[in-house]
Amino acid sequence: MVVDILGTEYTVTRNTSAIEDMGADGICQPYDKKIIYRELKDFLGKDDSLTAKRVRRDQVIRHEVIHAFFAESGLIEYGNDEVLVDWMAKQLPKIQETVEKIIKIDYFEEG
């Protein structure tokens, strides 16, 4: 799949073998314009639920996309801050939910 990151096309691939030796669940390669993450079955442990694996996969995808956004914004230093990127990946759904709630309320108040 190809996604647009601030006007730059990134190829997104689900491929465990490509990152297996890196000890990572996902990677962003800003110079090659690639995001790679593990197959769903390869997240967490064998005994973990499918729901848990999906939660982890979604967090990893958000994490790698944030790396790409920082890179394409010219803020590669921020993208190198794993604590910041991980925090954003974890909090993004909550931030999005709050913004959507405010917009929805505002939309109904306009009419």
C-alpha atoms as a PDB file:
ATOM      1  CA  MET A   1       0.000   0.000   0.000  1.00  0.00           C
ATOM      2  CA  VAL A   2       1.117   3.562  -0.617  1.00  0.00           C
ATOM      3  CA  VAL A   3       0.163   6.416   1.721  1.00  0.00           C
ATOM      4  CA  ASP A   4       0.699  10.146   1.473  1.00  0.00           C
ATOM      5  CA  ILE A   5       2.814  11.639   4.249  1.00  0.00           C
ATOM      6  CA  LEU A   6       2.764  15.411   3.805  1.00  0.00           C
ATOM      7  CA  GLY A   7       2.948  15.109   0.026  1.00  0.00           C
ATOM      8  CA  THR A   8       5.485  12.283  -0.042  1.00  0.00           C
ATOM      9  CA  GLU A   9       4.511   8.747  -0.960  1.00  0.00           C
ATOM     10  CA  TYR A  10       5.534   6.055   1.518  1.00  0.00           C
ATOM     11  CA  THR A  11       5.251   2.366   0.769  1.00  0.00           C
ATOM     12  CA  VAL A  12       3.714   0.514   3.701  1.00  0.00           C
ATOM     13  CA  THR A  13       4.416  -3.197   3.939  1.00  0.00           C
ATOM     14  CA  ARG A  14       3.379  -5.921   6.346  1.00  0.00           C
ATOM     15  CA  ASN A  15       6.448  -8.175   6.355  1.00  0.00           C
ATOM     16  CA  THR A  16       7.841  -9.831   9.473  1.00  0.00           C
ATOM     17  CA  SER A  17      10.872 -11.343   7.753  1.00  0.00           C
ATOM     18  CA  ALA A  18      12.079  -7.904   6.568  1.00  0.00           C
ATOM     19  CA  ILE A  19      12.456  -6.670  10.163  1.00  0.00           C
ATOM     20  CA  GLU A  20      12.949  -9.895  12.110  1.00  0.00           C
ATOM     21  CA  ASP A  21      16.670  -9.368  12.657  1.00  0.00           C
ATOM     22  CA  MET A  22      16.102  -5.822  13.933  1.00  0.00           C
ATOM     23  CA  GLY A  23      14.198  -6.874  17.042  1.00  0.00           C
ATOM     24  CA  ALA A  24      11.447  -4.378  16.181  1.00  0.00           C
ATOM     25  CA  ASP A  25       7.721  -4.642  15.626  1.00  0.00           C
ATOM     26  CA  GLY A  26       7.925  -1.960  12.958  1.00  0.00           C
ATOM     27  CA  ILE A  27      10.303   0.491  11.324  1.00  0.00           C
ATOM     28  CA  CYS A  28      10.155   3.709   9.389  1.00  0.00           C
ATOM     29  CA  GLN A  29      12.804   4.246   6.743  1.00  0.00           C
ATOM     30  CA  PRO A  30      12.434   7.932   5.849  1.00  0.00           C
ATOM     31  CA  TYR A  31      15.230   7.906   3.266  1.00  0.00           C
ATOM     32  CA  ASP A  32      13.708   4.950   1.421  1.00  0.00           C
ATOM     33  CA  LYS A  33      10.161   6.222   2.101  1.00  0.00           C
ATOM     34  CA  LYS A  34       9.074   2.928   3.656  1.00  0.00           C
ATOM     35  CA  ILE A  35       7.122   1.801   6.698  1.00  0.00           C
ATOM     36  CA  ILE A  36       7.319  -1.897   7.533  1.00  0.00           C
ATOM     37  CA  TYR A  37       5.530  -3.714  10.333  1.00  0.00           C
ATOM     38  CA  ARG A  38       5.075  -7.331  11.452  1.00  0.00           C
ATOM     39  CA  GLU A  39       2.336  -9.702  10.361  1.00  0.00           C
ATOM     40  CA  LEU A  40      -0.508  -9.660  12.914  1.00  0.00           C
ATOM     41  CA  LYS A  41       0.217 -13.231  14.060  1.00  0.00           C
ATOM     42  CA  ASP A  42       3.805 -12.220  14.925  1.00  0.00           C
ATOM     43  CA  PHE A  43       2.927  -9.477  17.399  1.00  0.00           C
ATOM     44  CA  LEU A  44       3.319 -10.245  21.108  1.00  0.00           C
ATOM     45  CA  GLY A  45       3.408 -13.895  22.185  1.00  0.00           C
ATOM     46  CA  LYS A  46       1.797 -17.042  20.830  1.00  0.00           C
ATOM     47  CA  ASP A  47      -0.680 -17.126  23.711  1.00  0.00           C
ATOM     48  CA  ASP A  48      -1.770 -13.487  23.434  1.00  0.00           C
ATOM     49  CA  SER A  49      -5.284 -12.835  22.152  1.00  0.00           C
ATOM     50  CA  LEU A  50      -6.034 -11.558  18.690  1.00  0.00           C
ATOM     51  CA  THR A  51      -7.457  -8.424  20.299  1.00  0.00           C
ATOM     52  CA  ALA A  52      -4.196  -7.767  22.141  1.00  0.00           C
ATOM     53  CA  LYS A  53      -2.213  -8.346  18.950  1.00  0.00           C
ATOM     54  CA  ARG A  54      -4.418  -5.846  17.080  1.00  0.00           C
ATOM     55  CA  VAL A  55      -3.982  -3.222  19.802  1.00  0.00           C
ATOM     56  CA  ARG A  56      -0.196  -3.621  19.616  1.00  0.00           C
ATOM     57  CA  ARG A  57      -0.176  -3.608  15.788  1.00  0.00           C
ATOM     58  CA  ASP A  58      -2.259  -0.423  15.655  1.00  0.00           C
ATOM     59  CA  GLN A  59       0.043   1.291  18.145  1.00  0.00           C
ATOM     60  CA  VAL A  60       3.110   0.269  16.125  1.00  0.00           C
ATOM     61  CA  ILE A  61       1.579   1.559  12.893  1.00  0.00           C
ATOM     62  CA  ARG A  62       0.773   4.909  14.536  1.00  0.00           C
ATOM     63  CA  HIS A  63       4.313   5.018  15.955  1.00  0.00           C
ATOM     64  CA  GLU A  64       5.955   4.485  12.562  1.00  0.00           C
ATOM     65  CA  VAL A  65       3.630   6.956  10.829  1.00  0.00           C
ATOM     66  CA  ILE A  66       4.576   9.601  13.399  1.00  0.00           C
ATOM     67  CA  HIS A  67       8.256   8.956  12.604  1.00  0.00           C
ATOM     68  CA  ALA A  68       7.429   9.585   8.937  1.00  0.00           C
ATOM     69  CA  PHE A  69       5.527  12.796   9.689  1.00  0.00           C
ATOM     70  CA  PHE A  70       8.440  14.145  11.723  1.00  0.00           C
ATOM     71  CA  ALA A  71      10.870  13.251   8.932  1.00  0.00           C
ATOM     72  CA  GLU A  72       8.762  14.874   6.228  1.00  0.00           C
ATOM     73  CA  SER A  73       8.295  17.965   8.410  1.00  0.00           C
ATOM     74  CA  GLY A  74      12.045  18.444   8.644  1.00  0.00           C
ATOM     75  CA  LEU A  75      11.915  17.563  12.343  1.00  0.00           C
ATOM     76  CA  ILE A  76      14.015  14.413  12.208  1.00  0.00           C
ATOM     77  CA  GLU A  77      15.459  15.162  15.681  1.00  0.00           C
ATOM     78  CA  TYR A  78      11.985  14.855  17.197  1.00  0.00           C
ATOM     79  CA  GLY A  79      11.452  11.666  15.240  1.00  0.00           C
ATOM     80  CA  ASN A  80      14.593  10.269  16.861  1.00  0.00           C
ATOM     81  CA  ASP A  81      13.046  10.791  20.311  1.00  0.00           C
ATOM     82  CA  GLU A  82      11.446   7.377  20.867  1.00  0.00           C
ATOM     83  CA  VAL A  83       9.762   8.510  24.100  1.00  0.00           C
ATOM     84  CA  LEU A  84       8.035  11.402  22.319  1.00  0.00           C
ATOM     85  CA  VAL A  85       7.039   9.290  19.314  1.00  0.00           C
ATOM     86  CA  ASP A  86       5.722   6.497  21.530  1.00  0.00           C
ATOM     87  CA  TRP A  87       3.763   8.960  23.681  1.00  0.00           C
ATOM     88  CA  MET A  88       2.163  10.423  20.569  1.00  0.00           C
ATOM     89  CA  ALA A  89       1.327   6.958  19.218  1.00  0.00           C
ATOM     90  CA  LYS A  90      -0.385   6.020  22.472  1.00  0.00           C
ATOM     91  CA  GLN A  91      -2.236   9.316  22.935  1.00  0.00           C
ATOM     92  CA  LEU A  92      -3.274  10.036  19.334  1.00  0.00           C
ATOM     93  CA  PRO A  93      -6.584   8.099  19.524  1.00  0.00           C
ATOM     94  CA  LYS A  94      -7.560   9.978  22.693  1.00  0.00           C
ATOM     95  CA  ILE A  95      -6.590  13.321  21.172  1.00  0.00           C
ATOM     96  CA  GLN A  96      -8.552  12.504  18.013  1.00  0.00           C
ATOM     97  CA  GLU A  97     -11.618  11.475  20.037  1.00  0.00           C
ATOM     98  CA  THR A  98     -11.549  14.742  22.013  1.00  0.00           C
ATOM     99  CA  VAL A  99     -11.177  16.897  18.899  1.00  0.00           C
ATOM    100  CA  GLU A 100     -13.998  15.047  17.128  1.00  0.00           C
ATOM    101  CA  LYS A 101     -16.255  15.502  20.161  1.00  0.00           C
ATOM    102  CA  ILE A 102     -15.612  19.248  20.209  1.00  0.00           C
ATOM    103  CA  ILE A 103     -16.174  19.556  16.448  1.00  0.00           C
ATOM    104  CA  LYS A 104     -19.406  17.554  16.666  1.00  0.00           C
ATOM    105  CA  ILE A 105     -20.740  19.776  19.468  1.00  0.00           C
ATOM    106  CA  ASP A 106     -19.677  22.916  17.606  1.00  0.00           C
ATOM    107  CA  TYR A 107     -21.321  21.672  14.396  1.00  0.00           C
ATOM    108  CA  PHE A 108     -24.693  21.228  16.129  1.00  0.00           C
ATOM    109  CA  GLU A 109     -24.425  24.609  17.850  1.00  0.00           C
ATOM    110  CA  GLU A 110     -23.910  26.368  14.487  1.00  0.00           C
ATOM    111  CA  GLY A 111     -27.304  25.315  13.128  1.00  0.00           C
END
